[in-house]
PDB file of N, CA and C in Angstrom:
ATOM      1  N   UNK A   1       5.394   2.755 -11.730  1.00  0.00           N
ATOM      2  CA  UNK A   1       5.180   4.042 -11.113  1.00  0.00           C
ATOM      3  C   UNK A   1       6.518   4.778 -11.060  1.00  0.00           C
ATOM      4  N   UNK A   2       6.519   6.030 -11.449  1.00  0.00           N
ATOM      5  CA  UNK A   2       7.718   6.842 -11.470  1.00  0.00           C
ATOM      6  C   UNK A   2       7.757   7.696 -10.207  1.00  0.00           C
ATOM      7  N   UNK A   3       8.675   7.396  -9.311  1.00  0.00           N
ATOM      8  CA  UNK A   3       8.751   8.097  -8.033  1.00  0.00           C
ATOM      9  C   UNK A   3       9.905   9.079  -8.057  1.00  0.00           C
ATOM     10  N   UNK A   4       9.657  10.283  -7.550  1.00  0.00           N
ATOM     11  CA  UNK A   4      10.689  11.297  -7.416  1.00  0.00           C
ATOM     12  C   UNK A   4      11.627  10.874  -6.285  1.00  0.00           C
ATOM     13  N   UNK A   5      12.905  10.671  -6.600  1.00  0.00           N
ATOM     14  CA  UNK A   5      13.861  10.204  -5.597  1.00  0.00           C
ATOM     15  C   UNK A   5      14.821  11.321  -5.186  1.00  0.00           C
ATOM     16  N   UNK A   6      14.318  12.544  -5.140  1.00  0.00           N
ATOM     17  CA  UNK A   6      15.127  13.677  -4.730  1.00  0.00           C
ATOM     18  C   UNK A   6      15.354  13.628  -3.226  1.00  0.00           C
ATOM     19  N   UNK A   7      16.573  13.857  -2.808  1.00  0.00           N
ATOM     20  CA  UNK A   7      16.897  13.877  -1.382  1.00  0.00           C
ATOM     21  C   UNK A   7      16.794  15.313  -0.890  1.00  0.00           C
ATOM     22  N   UNK A   8      16.060  15.501   0.186  1.00  0.00           N
ATOM     23  CA  UNK A   8      15.890  16.829   0.771  1.00  0.00           C
ATOM     24  C   UNK A   8      16.324  16.790   2.229  1.00  0.00           C
ATOM     25  N   UNK A   9      16.990  17.834   2.654  1.00  0.00           N
ATOM     26  CA  UNK A   9      17.400  17.941   4.055  1.00  0.00           C
ATOM     27  C   UNK A   9      16.267  18.598   4.827  1.00  0.00           C
ATOM     28  N   UNK A  10      15.857  17.959   5.914  1.00  0.00           N
ATOM     29  CA  UNK A  10      14.741  18.456   6.706  1.00  0.00           C
ATOM     30  C   UNK A  10      15.256  18.836   8.087  1.00  0.00           C
ATOM     31  N   UNK A  11      14.908  20.049   8.510  1.00  0.00           N
ATOM     32  CA  UNK A  11      15.312  20.484   9.847  1.00  0.00           C
ATOM     33  C   UNK A  11      14.111  20.622  10.781  1.00  0.00           C
ATOM     34  N   UNK A  12      12.920  20.717  10.199  1.00  0.00           N
ATOM     35  CA  UNK A  12      11.707  20.876  11.003  1.00  0.00           C
ATOM     36  C   UNK A  12      10.761  19.718  10.705  1.00  0.00           C
ATOM     37  N   UNK A  13      10.448  18.934  11.732  1.00  0.00           N
ATOM     38  CA  UNK A  13       9.594  17.766  11.552  1.00  0.00           C
ATOM     39  C   UNK A  13       8.206  18.135  11.039  1.00  0.00           C
ATOM     40  N   UNK A  14       7.621  19.202  11.580  1.00  0.00           N
ATOM     41  CA  UNK A  14       6.280  19.609  11.143  1.00  0.00           C
ATOM     42  C   UNK A  14       6.283  20.003   9.670  1.00  0.00           C
ATOM     43  N   UNK A  15       7.340  20.690   9.238  1.00  0.00           N
ATOM     44  CA  UNK A  15       7.445  21.071   7.828  1.00  0.00           C
ATOM     45  C   UNK A  15       7.575  19.827   6.948  1.00  0.00           C
ATOM     46  N   UNK A  16       8.275  18.815   7.443  1.00  0.00           N
ATOM     47  CA  UNK A  16       8.398  17.565   6.703  1.00  0.00           C
ATOM     48  C   UNK A  16       7.023  16.919   6.527  1.00  0.00           C
ATOM     49  N   UNK A  17       6.233  16.913   7.589  1.00  0.00           N
ATOM     50  CA  UNK A  17       4.887  16.343   7.501  1.00  0.00           C
ATOM     51  C   UNK A  17       4.036  17.098   6.499  1.00  0.00           C
ATOM     52  N   UNK A  18       4.123  18.427   6.518  1.00  0.00           N
ATOM     53  CA  UNK A  18       3.349  19.252   5.585  1.00  0.00           C
ATOM     54  C   UNK A  18       3.771  18.963   4.151  1.00  0.00           C
ATOM     55  N   UNK A  19       5.093  18.890   3.913  1.00  0.00           N
ATOM     56  CA  UNK A  19       5.590  18.612   2.563  1.00  0.00           C
ATOM     57  C   UNK A  19       5.168  17.225   2.092  1.00  0.00           C
ATOM     58  N   UNK A  20       5.218  16.244   2.979  1.00  0.00           N
ATOM     59  CA  UNK A  20       4.802  14.884   2.625  1.00  0.00           C
ATOM     60  C   UNK A  20       3.317  14.861   2.272  1.00  0.00           C
ATOM     61  N   UNK A  21       2.495  15.508   3.077  1.00  0.00           N
ATOM     62  CA  UNK A  21       1.057  15.573   2.806  1.00  0.00           C
ATOM     63  C   UNK A  21       0.800  16.246   1.464  1.00  0.00           C
ATOM     64  N   UNK A  22       1.477  17.373   1.219  1.00  0.00           N
ATOM     65  CA  UNK A  22       1.309  18.089  -0.052  1.00  0.00           C
ATOM     66  C   UNK A  22       1.689  17.216  -1.238  1.00  0.00           C
ATOM     67  N   UNK A  23       2.789  16.487  -1.089  1.00  0.00           N
ATOM     68  CA  UNK A  23       3.236  15.615  -2.177  1.00  0.00           C
ATOM     69  C   UNK A  23       2.180  14.565  -2.512  1.00  0.00           C
ATOM     70  N   UNK A  24       1.695  13.845  -1.477  1.00  0.00           N
ATOM     71  CA  UNK A  24       0.733  12.778  -1.748  1.00  0.00           C
ATOM     72  C   UNK A  24      -0.595  13.323  -2.259  1.00  0.00           C
ATOM     73  N   UNK A  25      -0.972  14.513  -1.821  1.00  0.00           N
ATOM     74  CA  UNK A  25      -2.207  15.107  -2.331  1.00  0.00           C
ATOM     75  C   UNK A  25      -2.046  15.530  -3.790  1.00  0.00           C
ATOM     76  N   UNK A  26      -0.827  15.802  -4.231  1.00  0.00           N
ATOM     77  CA  UNK A  26      -0.594  16.204  -5.620  1.00  0.00           C
ATOM     78  C   UNK A  26      -0.608  15.010  -6.572  1.00  0.00           C
ATOM     79  N   UNK A  27      -0.491  13.802  -6.030  1.00  0.00           N
ATOM     80  CA  UNK A  27      -0.465  12.596  -6.856  1.00  0.00           C
ATOM     81  C   UNK A  27      -1.887  12.156  -7.203  1.00  0.00           C
ATOM     82  N   UNK A  28      -2.092  11.604  -8.402  1.00  0.00           N
ATOM     83  CA  UNK A  28      -3.419  11.079  -8.748  1.00  0.00           C
ATOM     84  C   UNK A  28      -3.778   9.878  -7.865  1.00  0.00           C
ATOM     85  N   UNK A  29      -5.059   9.628  -7.747  1.00  0.00           N
ATOM     86  CA  UNK A  29      -5.533   8.552  -6.875  1.00  0.00           C
ATOM     87  C   UNK A  29      -4.905   7.215  -7.261  1.00  0.00           C
ATOM     88  N   UNK A  30      -4.797   6.930  -8.539  1.00  0.00           N
ATOM     89  CA  UNK A  30      -4.216   5.668  -8.988  1.00  0.00           C
ATOM     90  C   UNK A  30      -2.782   5.500  -8.521  1.00  0.00           C
ATOM     91  N   UNK A  31      -2.004   6.582  -8.554  1.00  0.00           N
ATOM     92  CA  UNK A  31      -0.608   6.518  -8.100  1.00  0.00           C
ATOM     93  C   UNK A  31      -0.545   6.276  -6.598  1.00  0.00           C
ATOM     94  N   UNK A  32      -1.459   6.890  -5.855  1.00  0.00           N
ATOM     95  CA  UNK A  32      -1.483   6.682  -4.395  1.00  0.00           C
ATOM     96  C   UNK A  32      -1.853   5.241  -4.068  1.00  0.00           C
ATOM     97  N   UNK A  33      -2.845   4.708  -4.768  1.00  0.00           N
ATOM     98  CA  UNK A  33      -3.246   3.316  -4.529  1.00  0.00           C
ATOM     99  C   UNK A  33      -2.124   2.354  -4.900  1.00  0.00           C
ATOM    100  N   UNK A  34      -1.443   2.645  -5.992  1.00  0.00           N
ATOM    101  CA  UNK A  34      -0.326   1.805  -6.406  1.00  0.00           C
ATOM    102  C   UNK A  34       0.790   1.831  -5.364  1.00  0.00           C
ATOM    103  N   UNK A  35       1.049   3.000  -4.782  1.00  0.00           N
ATOM    104  CA  UNK A  35       2.081   3.117  -3.748  1.00  0.00           C
ATOM    105  C   UNK A  35       1.693   2.325  -2.500  1.00  0.00           C
ATOM    106  N   UNK A  36       0.414   2.370  -2.134  1.00  0.00           N
ATOM    107  CA  UNK A  36      -0.060   1.595  -0.978  1.00  0.00           C
ATOM    108  C   UNK A  36       0.085   0.108  -1.263  1.00  0.00           C
ATOM    109  N   UNK A  37      -0.256  -0.303  -2.478  1.00  0.00           N
ATOM    110  CA  UNK A  37      -0.125  -1.707  -2.871  1.00  0.00           C
ATOM    111  C   UNK A  37       1.331  -2.154  -2.747  1.00  0.00           C
ATOM    112  N   UNK A  38       2.251  -1.341  -3.293  1.00  0.00           N
ATOM    113  CA  UNK A  38       3.673  -1.681  -3.245  1.00  0.00           C
ATOM    114  C   UNK A  38       4.181  -1.757  -1.804  1.00  0.00           C
ATOM    115  N   UNK A  39       3.773  -0.820  -0.978  1.00  0.00           N
ATOM    116  CA  UNK A  39       4.205  -0.816   0.421  1.00  0.00           C
ATOM    117  C   UNK A  39       3.653  -2.035   1.166  1.00  0.00           C
ATOM    118  N   UNK A  40       2.399  -2.382   0.903  1.00  0.00           N
ATOM    119  CA  UNK A  40       1.799  -3.554   1.546  1.00  0.00           C
ATOM    120  C   UNK A  40       2.503  -4.829   1.105  1.00  0.00           C
ATOM    121  N   UNK A  41       2.773  -4.927  -0.180  1.00  0.00           N
ATOM    122  CA  UNK A  41       3.451  -6.103  -0.716  1.00  0.00           C
ATOM    123  C   UNK A  41       4.842  -6.256  -0.092  1.00  0.00           C
ATOM    124  N   UNK A  42       5.563  -5.147   0.040  1.00  0.00           N
ATOM    125  CA  UNK A  42       6.893  -5.188   0.646  1.00  0.00           C
ATOM    126  C   UNK A  42       6.804  -5.575   2.125  1.00  0.00           C
ATOM    127  N   UNK A  43       5.794  -5.057   2.828  1.00  0.00           N
ATOM    128  CA  UNK A  43       5.640  -5.378   4.246  1.00  0.00           C
ATOM    129  C   UNK A  43       5.314  -6.852   4.445  1.00  0.00           C
ATOM    130  N   UNK A  44       4.433  -7.395   3.609  1.00  0.00           N
ATOM    131  CA  UNK A  44       4.095  -8.814   3.728  1.00  0.00           C
ATOM    132  C   UNK A  44       5.294  -9.694   3.376  1.00  0.00           C
ATOM    133  N   UNK A  45       6.079  -9.290   2.376  1.00  0.00           N
ATOM    134  CA  UNK A  45       7.275 -10.057   2.008  1.00  0.00           C
ATOM    135  C   UNK A  45       8.296 -10.030   3.145  1.00  0.00           C
ATOM    136  N   UNK A  46       8.451  -8.860   3.780  1.00  0.00           N
ATOM    137  CA  UNK A  46       9.366  -8.749   4.916  1.00  0.00           C
ATOM    138  C   UNK A  46       8.907  -9.641   6.062  1.00  0.00           C
ATOM    139  N   UNK A  47       7.609  -9.595   6.367  1.00  0.00           N
ATOM    140  CA  UNK A  47       7.079 -10.411   7.462  1.00  0.00           C
ATOM    141  C   UNK A  47       7.240 -11.898   7.156  1.00  0.00           C
ATOM    142  N   UNK A  48       7.018 -12.281   5.907  1.00  0.00           N
ATOM    143  CA  UNK A  48       7.168 -13.685   5.532  1.00  0.00           C
ATOM    144  C   UNK A  48       8.622 -14.118   5.664  1.00  0.00           C
ATOM    145  N   UNK A  49       9.545 -13.265   5.229  1.00  0.00           N
ATOM    146  CA  UNK A  49      10.967 -13.594   5.338  1.00  0.00           C
ATOM    147  C   UNK A  49      11.381 -13.682   6.807  1.00  0.00           C
ATOM    148  N   UNK A  50      10.825 -12.820   7.631  1.00  0.00           N
ATOM    149  CA  UNK A  50      11.144 -12.828   9.060  1.00  0.00           C
ATOM    150  C   UNK A  50      10.673 -14.124   9.715  1.00  0.00           C
ATOM    151  N   UNK A  51       9.507 -14.619   9.263  1.00  0.00           N
ATOM    152  CA  UNK A  51       8.969 -15.867   9.817  1.00  0.00           C
ATOM    153  C   UNK A  51       9.609 -17.098   9.177  1.00  0.00           C
ATOM    154  N   UNK A  52      10.290 -16.900   8.046  1.00  0.00           N
ATOM    155  CA  UNK A  52      10.937 -18.017   7.369  1.00  0.00           C
ATOM    156  C   UNK A  52      10.007 -18.810   6.476  1.00  0.00           C
ATOM    157  N   UNK A  53       8.941 -18.197   6.013  1.00  0.00           N
ATOM    158  CA  UNK A  53       8.023 -18.868   5.088  1.00  0.00           C
ATOM    159  C   UNK A  53       8.094 -18.178   3.733  1.00  0.00           C
ATOM    160  N   UNK A  54       7.756 -18.884   2.662  1.00  0.00           N
ATOM    161  CA  UNK A  54       7.762 -18.249   1.339  1.00  0.00           C
ATOM    162  C   UNK A  54       6.773 -17.088   1.280  1.00  0.00           C
ATOM    163  N   UNK A  55       7.130 -16.028   0.561  1.00  0.00           N
ATOM    164  CA  UNK A  55       6.265 -14.852   0.452  1.00  0.00           C
ATOM    165  C   UNK A  55       4.978 -15.167  -0.299  1.00  0.00           C
ATOM    166  N   UNK A  56       5.033 -16.149  -1.194  1.00  0.00           N
ATOM    167  CA  UNK A  56       3.846 -16.490  -1.973  1.00  0.00           C
ATOM    168  C   UNK A  56       3.107 -17.690  -1.378  1.00  0.00           C
ATOM    169  N   UNK A  57       3.208 -17.853  -0.085  1.00  0.00           N
ATOM    170  CA  UNK A  57       2.536 -18.945   0.615  1.00  0.00           C
ATOM    171  C   UNK A  57       1.033 -18.685   0.606  1.00  0.00           C
ATOM    172  N   UNK A  58       0.377 -19.144  -0.443  1.00  0.00           N
ATOM    173  CA  UNK A  58      -1.051 -18.874  -0.610  1.00  0.00           C
ATOM    174  C   UNK A  58      -1.858 -19.851   0.240  1.00  0.00           C
ATOM    175  N   UNK A  59      -2.469 -19.312   1.250  1.00  0.00           N
ATOM    176  CA  UNK A  59      -3.336 -20.134   2.083  1.00  0.00           C
ATOM    177  C   UNK A  59      -4.766 -19.924   1.633  1.00  0.00           C
ATOM    178  N   UNK A  60      -5.565 -20.937   1.825  1.00  0.00           N
ATOM    179  CA  UNK A  60      -6.966 -20.824   1.422  1.00  0.00           C
ATOM    180  C   UNK A  60      -7.687 -19.824   2.303  1.00  0.00           C
ATOM    181  N   UNK A  61      -8.641 -19.154   1.708  1.00  0.00           N
ATOM    182  CA  UNK A  61      -9.444 -18.197   2.449  1.00  0.00           C
ATOM    183  C   UNK A  61     -10.242 -18.948   3.512  1.00  0.00           C
ATOM    184  N   UNK A  62     -10.315 -18.354   4.678  1.00  0.00           N
ATOM    185  CA  UNK A  62     -11.054 -19.000   5.753  1.00  0.00           C
ATOM    186  C   UNK A  62     -12.550 -18.716   5.642  1.00  0.00           C
ATOM    187  N   UNK A  63     -12.908 -17.858   4.734  1.00  0.00           N
ATOM    188  CA  UNK A  63     -14.316 -17.533   4.553  1.00  0.00           C
ATOM    189  C   UNK A  63     -14.830 -18.131   3.260  1.00  0.00           C
ATOM    190  N   UNK A  64     -16.089 -18.460   3.246  1.00  0.00           N
ATOM    191  CA  UNK A  64     -16.727 -18.922   2.031  1.00  0.00           C
ATOM    192  C   UNK A  64     -17.326 -17.718   1.333  1.00  0.00           C
ATOM    193  N   UNK A  65     -16.983 -17.554   0.074  1.00  0.00           N
ATOM    194  CA  UNK A  65     -17.505 -16.422  -0.687  1.00  0.00           C
ATOM    195  C   UNK A  65     -18.808 -16.829  -1.356  1.00  0.00           C
ATOM    196  N   UNK A  66     -19.832 -16.029  -1.163  1.00  0.00           N
ATOM    197  CA  UNK A  66     -21.145 -16.312  -1.729  1.00  0.00           C
ATOM    198  C   UNK A  66     -21.707 -15.039  -2.328  1.00  0.00           C
ATOM    199  N   UNK A  67     -22.335 -15.174  -3.459  1.00  0.00           N
ATOM    200  CA  UNK A  67     -22.975 -14.026  -4.094  1.00  0.00           C
ATOM    201  C   UNK A  67     -24.478 -14.257  -4.066  1.00  0.00           C
ATOM    202  N   UNK A  68     -25.182 -13.299  -3.522  1.00  0.00           N
ATOM    203  CA  UNK A  68     -26.637 -13.377  -3.466  1.00  0.00           C
ATOM    204  C   UNK A  68     -27.171 -12.312  -4.403  1.00  0.00           C
ATOM    205  N   UNK A  69     -27.959 -12.754  -5.382  1.00  0.00           N
ATOM    206  CA  UNK A  69     -28.498 -11.806  -6.340  1.00  0.00           C
ATOM    207  C   UNK A  69     -29.997 -11.671  -6.076  1.00  0.00           C
ATOM    208  N   UNK A  70     -30.399 -10.417  -5.870  1.00  0.00           N
ATOM    209  CA  UNK A  70     -31.808 -10.163  -5.584  1.00  0.00           C
ATOM    210  C   UNK A  70     -32.552  -9.949  -6.878  1.00  0.00           C
ATOM    211  N   UNK A  71     -33.807 -10.391  -6.908  1.00  0.00           N
ATOM    212  CA  UNK A  71     -34.613 -10.165  -8.110  1.00  0.00           C
ATOM    213  C   UNK A  71     -35.081  -8.722  -8.154  1.00  0.00           C
ATOM    214  N   UNK A  72     -35.239  -8.214  -9.345  1.00  0.00           N
ATOM    215  CA  UNK A  72     -35.708  -6.832  -9.486  1.00  0.00           C
ATOM    216  C   UNK A  72     -37.201  -6.773  -9.266  1.00  0.00           C
ATOM    217  N   UNK A  73     -37.623  -5.715  -8.648  1.00  0.00           N
ATOM    218  CA  UNK A  73     -39.062  -5.577  -8.362  1.00  0.00           C
ATOM    219  C   UNK A  73     -39.739  -4.727  -9.380  1.00  0.00           C
TER     220      UNK A  73
END
């Protein structure tokens, strides 16, 4: 993902919020989802490092996944 890394000086907080909203609305859905994925991944890695566990500590799902297929009528 190619992110614009331009630094802007902000003097009005509300204007900053408006500009941020405008920016994200101008991005395609895929780019927004990718940004959320990257932010989530970074947050989980930070939390794992804070707890002192490996970031890729894959624990088994606590739920059993089941697929139920209904017959067509």
